[in-house]
Every structure is written in C-alpha cells, then in structure tokens.
Amino acid sequence: MCDRFLQKWKLWVRVVLAGILTAASVYSLSAFDMAGRTVTVFDGKTKKVVQAAADNFPDVLRNAGVRLGKYDTYWASTDKPEQGSIIVVERAVPVTIKEGSRTKKIYTAQQTVQGAVNDAGYDWQTMMPLEDGLGKVKKDMVIHVVPYTKKVSVRTEKLPVNYVKWYDAALGAGEEAVLEPGRAGEQAVTVEEYISDGKVIRSEVVRTELLDEGAEGSLRVGSEEDTVGRVLRMKATAYHPTDGDGRGITATGTKAGRGTVAVDPSVIPLGASVYIPGYGDAVAADTGGAIVGNRIDLCMETFSECYDFGVRPVEVFVAHGG
C-alpha cells in the first residue's frame, strides 16, 4: 500500500514538474519573441533599429523615444509589430494656403502639394493648386489655389516622317538629299484643359490614338552616322543564268536568277544585300572576270532583257553588315 502510494506520489511530482518546466519554457520563449522583434523606425533622416516588446505601434514609438506632435503621423509596413516591421514617421510642417486675398495656415504631414490642399479642406474636384500637385511639400511654402472647370477636347496632330538614311560620299558633311519624301502620319490627341477665370492654367494629354502611321521616307546624307547603308555609283551590265559555263551556279554556290548580282568582293562583300532602282532588291552572290571595281552585273530572266538593259550607270544601295 505504502509502496503504491509512494509510486503514485512520485508520478504526480514528475507530472507537476513537467508542467512547470513546460510553462516556464513557453513563458521564456514568448518573452524572447516579444523582446526579440527587430523593428526599424525612419524619422526624417534618422534611422533607429529597436527591439519591440509592445504589441502596437504607438507604444513601439514611445518606447523608442520617438514623440509625435499634434499633427505628426506615421505609417507601418505591417498591421501590427512583427519581426522586420518598418515604421515611417511623417512630420507635419507649416504651410500657407492662399485663395485670392484669403490665407489659411495649416500644419500638414502630407508629402504632396495636392495632399496639403486636401488637408486644408478644399475639394479637389472644384479647387486646384497652381503649383504642381505632385510636388513635394516644404516647410513654410505658400500654395495658391484657384477654382477651376475642366474641358476635354480632341485634336489631330501630324507625326514627323521617319527617314531611312543612306551614306553618300558625294555629299558634304551635314548635307542631305531626299530620295523618297515619305508621308506624315496622324494621331488623335485627347487633352484635358483646366480653366480658371477664363484662362487655361494647365493642360494634360490623357490619350493618344494613331490614325495613320504614314509612310517611311529615305535620304542621302553626307555623314555615316545613323545610316543603314551606303550609296555607290556603278556601271551596270546584265547577264543570263546560262552565261559562262552554262550551269547557272554562282560563285557562292547558289542558283543564279533574278535578284542575283555579280560584284567585285573588294567593293561589295559577297552576301551583301543591295538595292538597285529599276531592278529591285538583290544579293551580291556572284563574281565575274570583267566585274572589277565599280562594276556590277545584274542577272536577268531572259536574253531579251539582257539586250534591252545593255550598259548603263546605276546607283547601288548597299546595306551595312550585309
């Protein structure tokens, strides 16, 4: 009987001790968590990293020695103090609001001019600041507010012609000559105008819609900068794919046909893309014994085309980089 009682008593002691130890460990862990939360406070240019035991931000700030004035405010990165929370204190500054001959002095923690105007009790839908509404509020600044109405209008604007530029060594630096005039595009521009006392005091583009993209033009220019290629003046002849050995295979191994031209590789690299007015786009894919220097041979589809073409001067537009 005594032995059984003693065993039960020992077991009871163990349970009680275990409970005490568990409660102590929970309390210790909870206390560690509360004291171990790191919170960063930004107050102007001052930064404080504190250990937060409080469960609300006003107490965290008070315990950190940060005092808020009557009009000061703050915002935090979390709903309640947590590990890594950030608190940003915004200090109120004096600002004067002028509406005609009337003035009103307020203290505001707002960061923008429009925010300060709102703090002063003005309806942003009928009153607006003459200063930039998104500008930063500064201590002792004066903000002028005026009544306004808003008007929305749509106007059509011409777009500048986009010109492709070709380098022409025959032109001097800064000179240019139009190859293709191009055509200006058009866009519809929706504008909001803010009107006070019969005058437009501010306007903002709120929407643009492309109506006509226009057409690209091209220029010869005397400077190589921003050009897509160069212009060469050459003597041109024509040949048929069966000329030569009759196989119709070019020096680069391709099949000759319209759009294939023979060149001197020291003048126009093999593989280069070229354009010849009156002939069209082509690839420098062939060579010829008589094609030396500023000579070019254009492949035609029929012998009659070759005869009709004969020998003539042409301009050859050679794209940079092939």
C-alpha atoms as a PDB file:
ATOM      1  CA  MET A   1       0.000   0.000   0.000  1.00  0.00           C
ATOM      2  CA  CYS A   2       2.740   2.403   1.007  1.00  0.00           C
ATOM      3  CA  ASP A   3       4.798   1.415  -1.990  1.00  0.00           C
ATOM      4  CA  ARG A   4       1.889   2.051  -4.355  1.00  0.00           C
ATOM      5  CA  PHE A   5       1.221   5.425  -2.693  1.00  0.00           C
ATOM      6  CA  LEU A   6       4.879   6.325  -2.976  1.00  0.00           C
ATOM      7  CA  GLN A   7       4.932   5.419  -6.662  1.00  0.00           C
ATOM      8  CA  LYS A   8       1.800   7.476  -7.365  1.00  0.00           C
ATOM      9  CA  TRP A   9       3.234  10.409  -5.410  1.00  0.00           C
ATOM     10  CA  LYS A  10       6.472  10.243  -7.436  1.00  0.00           C
ATOM     11  CA  LEU A  11       4.481  10.082 -10.661  1.00  0.00           C
ATOM     12  CA  TRP A  12       2.395  13.121  -9.591  1.00  0.00           C
ATOM     13  CA  VAL A  13       5.553  15.062  -8.745  1.00  0.00           C
ATOM     14  CA  ARG A  14       7.023  14.242 -12.160  1.00  0.00           C
ATOM     15  CA  VAL A  15       3.838  15.443 -13.943  1.00  0.00           C
ATOM     16  CA  VAL A  16       3.734  18.681 -11.922  1.00  0.00           C
ATOM     17  CA  LEU A  17       7.423  19.332 -12.539  1.00  0.00           C
ATOM     18  CA  ALA A  18       7.000  18.630 -16.239  1.00  0.00           C
ATOM     19  CA  GLY A  19       4.083  21.087 -16.363  1.00  0.00           C
ATOM     20  CA  ILE A  20       6.085  23.746 -14.521  1.00  0.00           C
ATOM     21  CA  LEU A  21       9.066  23.261 -16.814  1.00  0.00           C
ATOM     22  CA  THR A  22       6.815  23.381 -19.913  1.00  0.00           C
ATOM     23  CA  ALA A  23       5.086  26.581 -18.715  1.00  0.00           C
ATOM     24  CA  ALA A  24       8.443  28.112 -17.895  1.00  0.00           C
ATOM     25  CA  SER A  25       9.813  27.260 -21.309  1.00  0.00           C
ATOM     26  CA  VAL A  26       6.701  28.668 -23.048  1.00  0.00           C
ATOM     27  CA  TYR A  27       6.915  31.853 -20.973  1.00  0.00           C
ATOM     28  CA  SER A  28      10.621  32.120 -21.694  1.00  0.00           C
ATOM     29  CA  LEU A  29      10.084  31.589 -25.463  1.00  0.00           C
ATOM     30  CA  SER A  30       7.199  34.098 -25.504  1.00  0.00           C
ATOM     31  CA  ALA A  31       9.286  36.657 -23.642  1.00  0.00           C
ATOM     32  CA  PHE A  32      12.158  36.053 -26.071  1.00  0.00           C
ATOM     33  CA  ASP A  33       9.861  36.539 -29.071  1.00  0.00           C
ATOM     34  CA  MET A  34       8.415  39.762 -27.675  1.00  0.00           C
ATOM     35  CA  ALA A  35      11.800  41.199 -26.844  1.00  0.00           C
ATOM     36  CA  GLY A  36      13.473  39.833 -29.959  1.00  0.00           C
ATOM     37  CA  ARG A  37      11.386  41.517 -32.681  1.00  0.00           C
ATOM     38  CA  THR A  38      13.545  43.938 -34.609  1.00  0.00           C
ATOM     39  CA  VAL A  39      11.646  46.982 -35.876  1.00  0.00           C
ATOM     40  CA  THR A  40      13.178  49.803 -37.931  1.00  0.00           C
ATOM     41  CA  VAL A  41      11.937  53.371 -37.427  1.00  0.00           C
ATOM     42  CA  PHE A  42      12.607  56.058 -40.041  1.00  0.00           C
ATOM     43  CA  ASP A  43      12.103  59.590 -38.720  1.00  0.00           C
ATOM     44  CA  GLY A  44      13.221  62.016 -41.413  1.00  0.00           C
ATOM     45  CA  LYS A  45      16.932  61.367 -41.927  1.00  0.00           C
ATOM     46  CA  THR A  46      17.149  59.454 -38.645  1.00  0.00           C
ATOM     47  CA  LYS A  47      17.015  55.679 -38.628  1.00  0.00           C
ATOM     48  CA  LYS A  48      16.521  53.637 -35.439  1.00  0.00           C
ATOM     49  CA  VAL A  49      16.601  49.872 -35.119  1.00  0.00           C
ATOM     50  CA  VAL A  50      14.818  48.839 -31.912  1.00  0.00           C
ATOM     51  CA  GLN A  51      13.761  45.674 -30.119  1.00  0.00           C
ATOM     52  CA  ALA A  52       9.969  45.845 -29.896  1.00  0.00           C
ATOM     53  CA  ALA A  53       8.180  44.245 -26.948  1.00  0.00           C
ATOM     54  CA  ALA A  54       4.959  46.260 -27.401  1.00  0.00           C
ATOM     55  CA  ASP A  55       2.101  44.879 -29.452  1.00  0.00           C
ATOM     56  CA  ASN A  56       1.092  48.205 -31.054  1.00  0.00           C
ATOM     57  CA  PHE A  57       2.993  50.825 -32.995  1.00  0.00           C
ATOM     58  CA  PRO A  58       2.285  53.877 -30.779  1.00  0.00           C
ATOM     59  CA  ASP A  59       3.887  52.035 -27.837  1.00  0.00           C
ATOM     60  CA  VAL A  60       6.797  50.907 -30.017  1.00  0.00           C
ATOM     61  CA  LEU A  61       7.438  54.537 -31.000  1.00  0.00           C
ATOM     62  CA  ARG A  62       7.057  55.741 -27.398  1.00  0.00           C
ATOM     63  CA  ASN A  63       9.463  53.076 -26.104  1.00  0.00           C
ATOM     64  CA  ALA A  64      11.908  54.021 -28.867  1.00  0.00           C
ATOM     65  CA  GLY A  65      11.872  57.639 -27.693  1.00  0.00           C
ATOM     66  CA  VAL A  66      10.058  58.887 -30.795  1.00  0.00           C
ATOM     67  CA  ARG A  67       7.489  61.518 -29.845  1.00  0.00           C
ATOM     68  CA  LEU A  68       4.719  62.542 -32.229  1.00  0.00           C
ATOM     69  CA  GLY A  69       3.485  66.108 -32.364  1.00  0.00           C
ATOM     70  CA  LYS A  70      -0.196  67.028 -32.674  1.00  0.00           C
ATOM     71  CA  TYR A  71      -0.200  66.879 -36.482  1.00  0.00           C
ATOM     72  CA  ASP A  72       2.544  64.296 -36.990  1.00  0.00           C
ATOM     73  CA  THR A  73       1.615  60.872 -38.301  1.00  0.00           C
ATOM     74  CA  TYR A  74       3.204  57.576 -39.224  1.00  0.00           C
ATOM     75  CA  TRP A  75       2.635  54.519 -41.374  1.00  0.00           C
ATOM     76  CA  ALA A  76       3.925  50.986 -40.999  1.00  0.00           C
ATOM     77  CA  SER A  77       4.716  48.118 -43.339  1.00  0.00           C
ATOM     78  CA  THR A  78       2.606  45.656 -41.319  1.00  0.00           C
ATOM     79  CA  ASP A  79      -0.713  45.763 -39.471  1.00  0.00           C
ATOM     80  CA  LYS A  80       0.966  45.154 -36.109  1.00  0.00           C
ATOM     81  CA  PRO A  81       4.561  44.954 -34.842  1.00  0.00           C
ATOM     82  CA  GLU A  82       6.319  41.943 -36.348  1.00  0.00           C
ATOM     83  CA  GLN A  83       9.910  40.873 -36.896  1.00  0.00           C
ATOM     84  CA  GLY A  84      11.258  43.188 -39.623  1.00  0.00           C
ATOM     85  CA  SER A  85       8.414  45.732 -39.459  1.00  0.00           C
ATOM     86  CA  ILE A  86       9.200  49.237 -40.742  1.00  0.00           C
ATOM     87  CA  ILE A  87       7.673  52.423 -39.317  1.00  0.00           C
ATOM     88  CA  VAL A  88       7.934  55.707 -41.224  1.00  0.00           C
ATOM     89  CA  VAL A  89       7.249  58.880 -39.235  1.00  0.00           C
ATOM     90  CA  GLU A  90       5.931  61.853 -41.205  1.00  0.00           C
ATOM     91  CA  ARG A  91       6.451  65.195 -39.500  1.00  0.00           C
ATOM     92  CA  ALA A  92       3.949  67.975 -40.063  1.00  0.00           C
ATOM     93  CA  VAL A  93       5.221  71.295 -41.400  1.00  0.00           C
ATOM     94  CA  PRO A  94       3.532  74.708 -41.533  1.00  0.00           C
ATOM     95  CA  VAL A  95       2.081  75.612 -44.940  1.00  0.00           C
ATOM     96  CA  THR A  96       0.131  78.673 -46.066  1.00  0.00           C
ATOM     97  CA  ILE A  97      -2.780  78.202 -48.468  1.00  0.00           C
ATOM     98  CA  LYS A  98      -3.793  81.303 -50.447  1.00  0.00           C
ATOM     99  CA  GLU A  99      -7.172  81.590 -52.173  1.00  0.00           C
ATOM    100  CA  GLY A 100      -7.336  85.053 -53.711  1.00  0.00           C
ATOM    101  CA  SER A 101      -6.949  87.529 -50.830  1.00  0.00           C
ATOM    102  CA  ARG A 102      -7.689  84.886 -48.177  1.00  0.00           C
ATOM    103  CA  THR A 103      -4.946  82.925 -46.461  1.00  0.00           C
ATOM    104  CA  LYS A 104      -5.058  79.853 -44.274  1.00  0.00           C
ATOM    105  CA  LYS A 105      -2.143  78.449 -42.297  1.00  0.00           C
ATOM    106  CA  ILE A 106      -2.158  74.722 -41.621  1.00  0.00           C
ATOM    107  CA  TYR A 107       0.182  72.046 -40.341  1.00  0.00           C
ATOM    108  CA  THR A 108       0.298  69.035 -42.614  1.00  0.00           C
ATOM    109  CA  ALA A 109       2.185  65.777 -42.779  1.00  0.00           C
ATOM    110  CA  GLN A 110       1.136  65.270 -46.392  1.00  0.00           C
ATOM    111  CA  GLN A 111       4.021  64.746 -48.793  1.00  0.00           C
ATOM    112  CA  THR A 112       2.445  66.332 -51.895  1.00  0.00           C
ATOM    113  CA  VAL A 113       1.032  69.775 -52.633  1.00  0.00           C
ATOM    114  CA  GLN A 114      -2.346  68.289 -53.580  1.00  0.00           C
ATOM    115  CA  GLY A 115      -2.376  66.345 -50.314  1.00  0.00           C
ATOM    116  CA  ALA A 116      -1.799  69.564 -48.369  1.00  0.00           C
ATOM    117  CA  VAL A 117      -4.642  71.255 -50.266  1.00  0.00           C
ATOM    118  CA  ASN A 118      -6.888  68.328 -49.377  1.00  0.00           C
ATOM    119  CA  ASP A 119      -5.817  68.634 -45.727  1.00  0.00           C
ATOM    120  CA  ALA A 120      -6.847  72.296 -45.834  1.00  0.00           C
ATOM    121  CA  GLY A 121     -10.400  71.193 -46.653  1.00  0.00           C
ATOM    122  CA  TYR A 122     -10.569  72.070 -50.340  1.00  0.00           C
ATOM    123  CA  ASP A 123     -12.495  69.882 -52.772  1.00  0.00           C
ATOM    124  CA  TRP A 124     -10.014  68.733 -55.432  1.00  0.00           C
ATOM    125  CA  GLN A 125     -12.856  68.473 -57.952  1.00  0.00           C
ATOM    126  CA  THR A 126     -13.503  72.232 -57.873  1.00  0.00           C
ATOM    127  CA  MET A 127     -10.273  73.774 -56.494  1.00  0.00           C
ATOM    128  CA  MET A 128      -6.730  73.117 -57.627  1.00  0.00           C
ATOM    129  CA  PRO A 129      -3.229  74.352 -56.760  1.00  0.00           C
ATOM    130  CA  LEU A 130      -1.377  76.487 -59.284  1.00  0.00           C
ATOM    131  CA  GLU A 131       1.790  74.719 -58.133  1.00  0.00           C
ATOM    132  CA  ASP A 132       2.488  71.151 -59.264  1.00  0.00           C
ATOM    133  CA  GLY A 133       0.036  68.975 -57.339  1.00  0.00           C
ATOM    134  CA  LEU A 134       2.580  66.145 -57.212  1.00  0.00           C
ATOM    135  CA  GLY A 135       5.354  68.445 -55.999  1.00  0.00           C
ATOM    136  CA  LYS A 136       6.841  67.840 -52.547  1.00  0.00           C
ATOM    137  CA  VAL A 137       5.555  69.889 -49.623  1.00  0.00           C
ATOM    138  CA  LYS A 138       8.204  72.071 -47.980  1.00  0.00           C
ATOM    139  CA  LYS A 139       8.186  73.908 -44.683  1.00  0.00           C
ATOM    140  CA  ASP A 140       6.632  77.417 -44.857  1.00  0.00           C
ATOM    141  CA  MET A 141       5.779  77.091 -48.540  1.00  0.00           C
ATOM    142  CA  VAL A 142       2.866  79.080 -49.976  1.00  0.00           C
ATOM    143  CA  ILE A 143       0.350  77.188 -52.107  1.00  0.00           C
ATOM    144  CA  HIS A 144      -2.050  79.124 -54.329  1.00  0.00           C
ATOM    145  CA  VAL A 145      -5.451  77.545 -55.002  1.00  0.00           C
ATOM    146  CA  VAL A 146      -7.995  78.639 -57.578  1.00  0.00           C
ATOM    147  CA  PRO A 147     -11.458  77.461 -58.652  1.00  0.00           C
ATOM    148  CA  TYR A 148     -11.448  75.666 -61.976  1.00  0.00           C
ATOM    149  CA  THR A 149     -13.515  73.889 -64.585  1.00  0.00           C
ATOM    150  CA  LYS A 150     -12.306  71.088 -66.827  1.00  0.00           C
ATOM    151  CA  LYS A 151     -12.733  70.861 -70.587  1.00  0.00           C
ATOM    152  CA  VAL A 152     -11.905  67.795 -72.688  1.00  0.00           C
ATOM    153  CA  SER A 153     -11.013  68.296 -76.338  1.00  0.00           C
ATOM    154  CA  VAL A 154      -9.626  66.135 -79.147  1.00  0.00           C
ATOM    155  CA  ARG A 155      -7.202  67.460 -81.720  1.00  0.00           C
ATOM    156  CA  THR A 156      -5.459  65.900 -84.699  1.00  0.00           C
ATOM    157  CA  GLU A 157      -1.669  66.135 -84.896  1.00  0.00           C
ATOM    158  CA  LYS A 158       0.743  65.381 -87.718  1.00  0.00           C
ATOM    159  CA  LEU A 159       3.538  62.959 -86.908  1.00  0.00           C
ATOM    160  CA  PRO A 160       7.058  63.564 -88.226  1.00  0.00           C
ATOM    161  CA  VAL A 161       8.144  61.481 -91.204  1.00  0.00           C
ATOM    162  CA  ASN A 162      10.612  58.763 -90.319  1.00  0.00           C
ATOM    163  CA  TYR A 163      13.547  58.828 -92.766  1.00  0.00           C
ATOM    164  CA  VAL A 164      15.911  55.973 -93.555  1.00  0.00           C
ATOM    165  CA  LYS A 165      19.375  57.437 -94.154  1.00  0.00           C
ATOM    166  CA  TRP A 166      21.927  56.262 -96.718  1.00  0.00           C
ATOM    167  CA  TYR A 167      25.520  57.486 -96.657  1.00  0.00           C
ATOM    168  CA  ASP A 168      26.578  59.187 -99.877  1.00  0.00           C
ATOM    169  CA  ALA A 169      30.256  60.157-100.034  1.00  0.00           C
ATOM    170  CA  ALA A 170      29.447  62.628-102.813  1.00  0.00           C
ATOM    171  CA  LEU A 171      27.658  64.847-100.277  1.00  0.00           C
ATOM    172  CA  GLY A 172      29.421  67.072 -97.769  1.00  0.00           C
ATOM    173  CA  ALA A 173      29.043  66.630 -94.015  1.00  0.00           C
ATOM    174  CA  GLY A 174      25.634  67.936 -92.951  1.00  0.00           C
ATOM    175  CA  GLU A 175      24.215  67.835 -96.471  1.00  0.00           C
ATOM    176  CA  GLU A 176      21.231  65.678 -97.367  1.00  0.00           C
ATOM    177  CA  ALA A 177      19.062  64.954-100.387  1.00  0.00           C
ATOM    178  CA  VAL A 178      15.624  63.387-100.450  1.00  0.00           C
ATOM    179  CA  LEU A 179      15.309  60.019-102.151  1.00  0.00           C
ATOM    180  CA  GLU A 180      11.733  59.254-101.128  1.00  0.00           C
ATOM    181  CA  PRO A 181       9.722  62.049 -99.494  1.00  0.00           C
ATOM    182  CA  GLY A 182       7.628  59.749 -97.307  1.00  0.00           C
ATOM    183  CA  ARG A 183       4.313  60.800 -95.806  1.00  0.00           C
ATOM    184  CA  ALA A 184       3.488  62.209 -92.384  1.00  0.00           C
ATOM    185  CA  GLY A 185       1.255  60.142 -90.126  1.00  0.00           C
ATOM    186  CA  GLU A 186      -1.596  61.426 -87.941  1.00  0.00           C
ATOM    187  CA  GLN A 187      -2.715  60.871 -84.384  1.00  0.00           C
ATOM    188  CA  ALA A 188      -5.733  61.967 -82.355  1.00  0.00           C
ATOM    189  CA  VAL A 189      -4.777  63.571 -79.048  1.00  0.00           C
ATOM    190  CA  THR A 190      -7.265  63.853 -76.183  1.00  0.00           C
ATOM    191  CA  VAL A 191      -6.443  66.801 -73.931  1.00  0.00           C
ATOM    192  CA  GLU A 192      -7.860  67.851 -70.568  1.00  0.00           C
ATOM    193  CA  GLU A 193      -7.722  71.615 -70.059  1.00  0.00           C
ATOM    194  CA  TYR A 194      -8.107  73.179 -66.624  1.00  0.00           C
ATOM    195  CA  ILE A 195      -9.653  76.632 -66.909  1.00  0.00           C
ATOM    196  CA  SER A 196      -9.749  79.346 -64.246  1.00  0.00           C
ATOM    197  CA  ASP A 197     -11.016  82.892 -64.750  1.00  0.00           C
ATOM    198  CA  GLY A 198     -11.381  82.196 -68.467  1.00  0.00           C
ATOM    199  CA  LYS A 199      -7.739  81.152 -68.914  1.00  0.00           C
ATOM    200  CA  VAL A 200      -6.218  77.722 -69.438  1.00  0.00           C
ATOM    201  CA  ILE A 201      -3.928  77.277 -66.445  1.00  0.00           C
ATOM    202  CA  ARG A 202      -2.943  73.690 -67.116  1.00  0.00           C
ATOM    203  CA  SER A 203      -3.426  71.077 -69.809  1.00  0.00           C
ATOM    204  CA  GLU A 204      -2.688  67.363 -69.842  1.00  0.00           C
ATOM    205  CA  VAL A 205      -2.644  64.808 -72.643  1.00  0.00           C
ATOM    206  CA  VAL A 206      -4.710  61.877 -71.396  1.00  0.00           C
ATOM    207  CA  ARG A 207      -4.912  59.747 -74.534  1.00  0.00           C
ATOM    208  CA  THR A 208      -3.366  59.368 -77.984  1.00  0.00           C
ATOM    209  CA  GLU A 209      -4.706  57.254 -80.829  1.00  0.00           C
ATOM    210  CA  LEU A 210      -2.790  56.506 -84.026  1.00  0.00           C
ATOM    211  CA  LEU A 211      -4.960  57.322 -87.038  1.00  0.00           C
ATOM    212  CA  ASP A 212      -2.425  56.916 -89.845  1.00  0.00           C
ATOM    213  CA  GLU A 213       1.127  55.616 -89.415  1.00  0.00           C
ATOM    214  CA  GLY A 214       2.233  57.430 -92.562  1.00  0.00           C
ATOM    215  CA  ALA A 215       4.954  56.180 -94.903  1.00  0.00           C
ATOM    216  CA  GLU A 216       8.690  55.970 -94.362  1.00  0.00           C
ATOM    217  CA  GLY A 217      10.936  58.189 -96.463  1.00  0.00           C
ATOM    218  CA  SER A 218      14.615  57.947 -97.355  1.00  0.00           C
ATOM    219  CA  LEU A 219      17.504  60.381 -97.580  1.00  0.00           C
ATOM    220  CA  ARG A 220      21.032  60.551 -98.897  1.00  0.00           C
ATOM    221  CA  VAL A 221      23.256  62.102 -96.231  1.00  0.00           C
ATOM    222  CA  GLY A 222      26.864  63.228 -96.130  1.00  0.00           C
ATOM    223  CA  SER A 223      27.651  61.726 -92.708  1.00  0.00           C
ATOM    224  CA  GLU A 224      27.832  57.999 -91.994  1.00  0.00           C
ATOM    225  CA  GLU A 225      26.294  58.266 -88.521  1.00  0.00           C
ATOM    226  CA  ASP A 226      22.860  56.632 -88.109  1.00  0.00           C
ATOM    227  CA  THR A 227      22.826  55.336 -91.690  1.00  0.00           C
ATOM    228  CA  VAL A 228      21.551  51.926 -92.792  1.00  0.00           C
ATOM    229  CA  GLY A 229      23.981  51.611 -95.698  1.00  0.00           C
ATOM    230  CA  ARG A 230      25.912  53.434 -98.405  1.00  0.00           C
ATOM    231  CA  VAL A 231      25.220  54.593-101.955  1.00  0.00           C
ATOM    232  CA  LEU A 232      27.620  53.629-104.750  1.00  0.00           C
ATOM    233  CA  ARG A 233      27.567  54.879-108.343  1.00  0.00           C
ATOM    234  CA  MET A 234      28.458  51.985-110.618  1.00  0.00           C
ATOM    235  CA  LYS A 235      28.442  50.812-114.234  1.00  0.00           C
ATOM    236  CA  ALA A 236      25.908  48.021-114.679  1.00  0.00           C
ATOM    237  CA  THR A 237      25.607  45.240-117.230  1.00  0.00           C
ATOM    238  CA  ALA A 238      23.219  42.284-117.422  1.00  0.00           C
ATOM    239  CA  TYR A 239      23.753  38.554-117.741  1.00  0.00           C
ATOM    240  CA  HIS A 240      21.697  35.379-118.177  1.00  0.00           C
ATOM    241  CA  PRO A 241      21.957  32.439-115.749  1.00  0.00           C
ATOM    242  CA  THR A 242      23.328  30.220-118.551  1.00  0.00           C
ATOM    243  CA  ASP A 243      26.192  32.574-119.376  1.00  0.00           C
ATOM    244  CA  GLY A 244      29.662  31.274-118.614  1.00  0.00           C
ATOM    245  CA  ASP A 245      29.770  27.514-118.199  1.00  0.00           C
ATOM    246  CA  GLY A 246      26.006  27.272-118.638  1.00  0.00           C
ATOM    247  CA  ARG A 247      25.370  25.652-115.268  1.00  0.00           C
ATOM    248  CA  GLY A 248      23.837  28.781-113.677  1.00  0.00           C
ATOM    249  CA  ILE A 249      25.662  28.273-110.372  1.00  0.00           C
ATOM    250  CA  THR A 250      27.075  31.402-108.680  1.00  0.00           C
ATOM    251  CA  ALA A 251      30.469  31.867-107.052  1.00  0.00           C
ATOM    252  CA  THR A 252      28.817  31.322-103.668  1.00  0.00           C
ATOM    253  CA  GLY A 253      27.178  28.062-104.776  1.00  0.00           C
ATOM    254  CA  THR A 254      23.628  29.361-105.196  1.00  0.00           C
ATOM    255  CA  LYS A 255      21.441  29.114-108.294  1.00  0.00           C
ATOM    256  CA  ALA A 256      21.592  32.295-110.382  1.00  0.00           C
ATOM    257  CA  GLY A 257      18.354  34.120-111.153  1.00  0.00           C
ATOM    258  CA  ARG A 258      16.729  37.489-110.959  1.00  0.00           C
ATOM    259  CA  GLY A 259      17.840  39.091-107.680  1.00  0.00           C
ATOM    260  CA  THR A 260      21.397  37.763-108.032  1.00  0.00           C
ATOM    261  CA  VAL A 261      24.153  40.241-108.867  1.00  0.00           C
ATOM    262  CA  ALA A 262      27.831  39.755-109.587  1.00  0.00           C
ATOM    263  CA  VAL A 263      30.234  42.157-107.840  1.00  0.00           C
ATOM    264  CA  ASP A 264      33.867  42.802-107.071  1.00  0.00           C
ATOM    265  CA  PRO A 265      34.102  41.487-103.456  1.00  0.00           C
ATOM    266  CA  SER A 266      36.656  44.175-102.614  1.00  0.00           C
ATOM    267  CA  VAL A 267      33.958  46.789-103.296  1.00  0.00           C
ATOM    268  CA  ILE A 268      30.765  44.970-102.250  1.00  0.00           C
ATOM    269  CA  PRO A 269      31.176  41.919 -99.964  1.00  0.00           C
ATOM    270  CA  LEU A 270      29.678  38.653-101.142  1.00  0.00           C
ATOM    271  CA  GLY A 271      26.409  38.035 -99.333  1.00  0.00           C
ATOM    272  CA  ALA A 272      25.609  41.739 -99.000  1.00  0.00           C
ATOM    273  CA  SER A 273      22.009  42.886 -99.514  1.00  0.00           C
ATOM    274  CA  VAL A 274      21.725  45.573-102.200  1.00  0.00           C
ATOM    275  CA  TYR A 275      19.026  47.600-103.904  1.00  0.00           C
ATOM    276  CA  ILE A 276      19.220  48.934-107.463  1.00  0.00           C
ATOM    277  CA  PRO A 277      16.465  51.365-108.573  1.00  0.00           C
ATOM    278  CA  GLY A 278      14.675  49.905-111.611  1.00  0.00           C
ATOM    279  CA  TYR A 279      15.883  46.384-110.771  1.00  0.00           C
ATOM    280  CA  GLY A 280      14.952  45.905-107.132  1.00  0.00           C
ATOM    281  CA  ASP A 281      16.367  44.059-104.146  1.00  0.00           C
ATOM    282  CA  ALA A 282      19.227  41.655-104.734  1.00  0.00           C
ATOM    283  CA  VAL A 283      22.038  39.711-103.113  1.00  0.00           C
ATOM    284  CA  ALA A 284      25.705  40.004-104.062  1.00  0.00           C
ATOM    285  CA  ALA A 285      26.225  36.280-104.654  1.00  0.00           C
ATOM    286  CA  ASP A 286      28.356  36.084-107.801  1.00  0.00           C
ATOM    287  CA  THR A 287      31.588  37.343-109.335  1.00  0.00           C
ATOM    288  CA  GLY A 288      32.862  37.710-112.893  1.00  0.00           C
ATOM    289  CA  GLY A 289      36.174  38.174-114.633  1.00  0.00           C
ATOM    290  CA  ALA A 290      35.134  41.551-116.049  1.00  0.00           C
ATOM    291  CA  ILE A 291      33.431  42.701-112.830  1.00  0.00           C
ATOM    292  CA  VAL A 292      36.202  44.742-111.279  1.00  0.00           C
ATOM    293  CA  GLY A 293      35.945  47.921-109.211  1.00  0.00           C
ATOM    294  CA  ASN A 294      32.746  49.904-109.552  1.00  0.00           C
ATOM    295  CA  ARG A 295      31.113  47.371-111.874  1.00  0.00           C
ATOM    296  CA  ILE A 296      28.011  45.296-111.211  1.00  0.00           C
ATOM    297  CA  ASP A 297      26.331  42.579-113.291  1.00  0.00           C
ATOM    298  CA  LEU A 298      22.591  42.034-112.867  1.00  0.00           C
ATOM    299  CA  CYS A 299      21.092  38.618-113.530  1.00  0.00           C
ATOM    300  CA  MET A 300      18.029  38.706-115.812  1.00  0.00           C
ATOM    301  CA  GLU A 301      15.467  36.014-116.618  1.00  0.00           C
ATOM    302  CA  THR A 302      15.608  36.269-120.435  1.00  0.00           C
ATOM    303  CA  PHE A 303      18.200  37.113-123.066  1.00  0.00           C
ATOM    304  CA  SER A 304      15.975  39.887-124.427  1.00  0.00           C
ATOM    305  CA  GLU A 305      16.019  41.595-121.007  1.00  0.00           C
ATOM    306  CA  CYS A 306      19.825  41.434-121.067  1.00  0.00           C
ATOM    307  CA  TYR A 307      19.966  43.016-124.534  1.00  0.00           C
ATOM    308  CA  ASP A 308      17.446  45.717-123.623  1.00  0.00           C
ATOM    309  CA  PHE A 309      19.335  46.596-120.454  1.00  0.00           C
ATOM    310  CA  GLY A 310      22.698  46.976-122.174  1.00  0.00           C
ATOM    311  CA  VAL A 311      25.233  49.008-120.201  1.00  0.00           C
ATOM    312  CA  ARG A 312      24.089  51.874-118.008  1.00  0.00           C
ATOM    313  CA  PRO A 313      25.049  53.829-114.876  1.00  0.00           C
ATOM    314  CA  VAL A 314      23.166  52.877-111.741  1.00  0.00           C
ATOM    315  CA  GLU A 315      23.093  53.732-108.104  1.00  0.00           C
ATOM    316  CA  VAL A 316      23.590  50.758-105.802  1.00  0.00           C
ATOM    317  CA  PHE A 317      22.376  50.906-102.206  1.00  0.00           C
ATOM    318  CA  VAL A 318      24.462  48.547-100.086  1.00  0.00           C
ATOM    319  CA  ALA A 319      23.142  47.707 -96.595  1.00  0.00           C
ATOM    320  CA  HIS A 320      25.636  47.832 -93.737  1.00  0.00           C
ATOM    321  CA  GLY A 321      26.649  44.425 -92.441  1.00  0.00           C
ATOM    322  CA  GLY A 322      25.286  42.605 -95.449  1.00  0.00           C
END
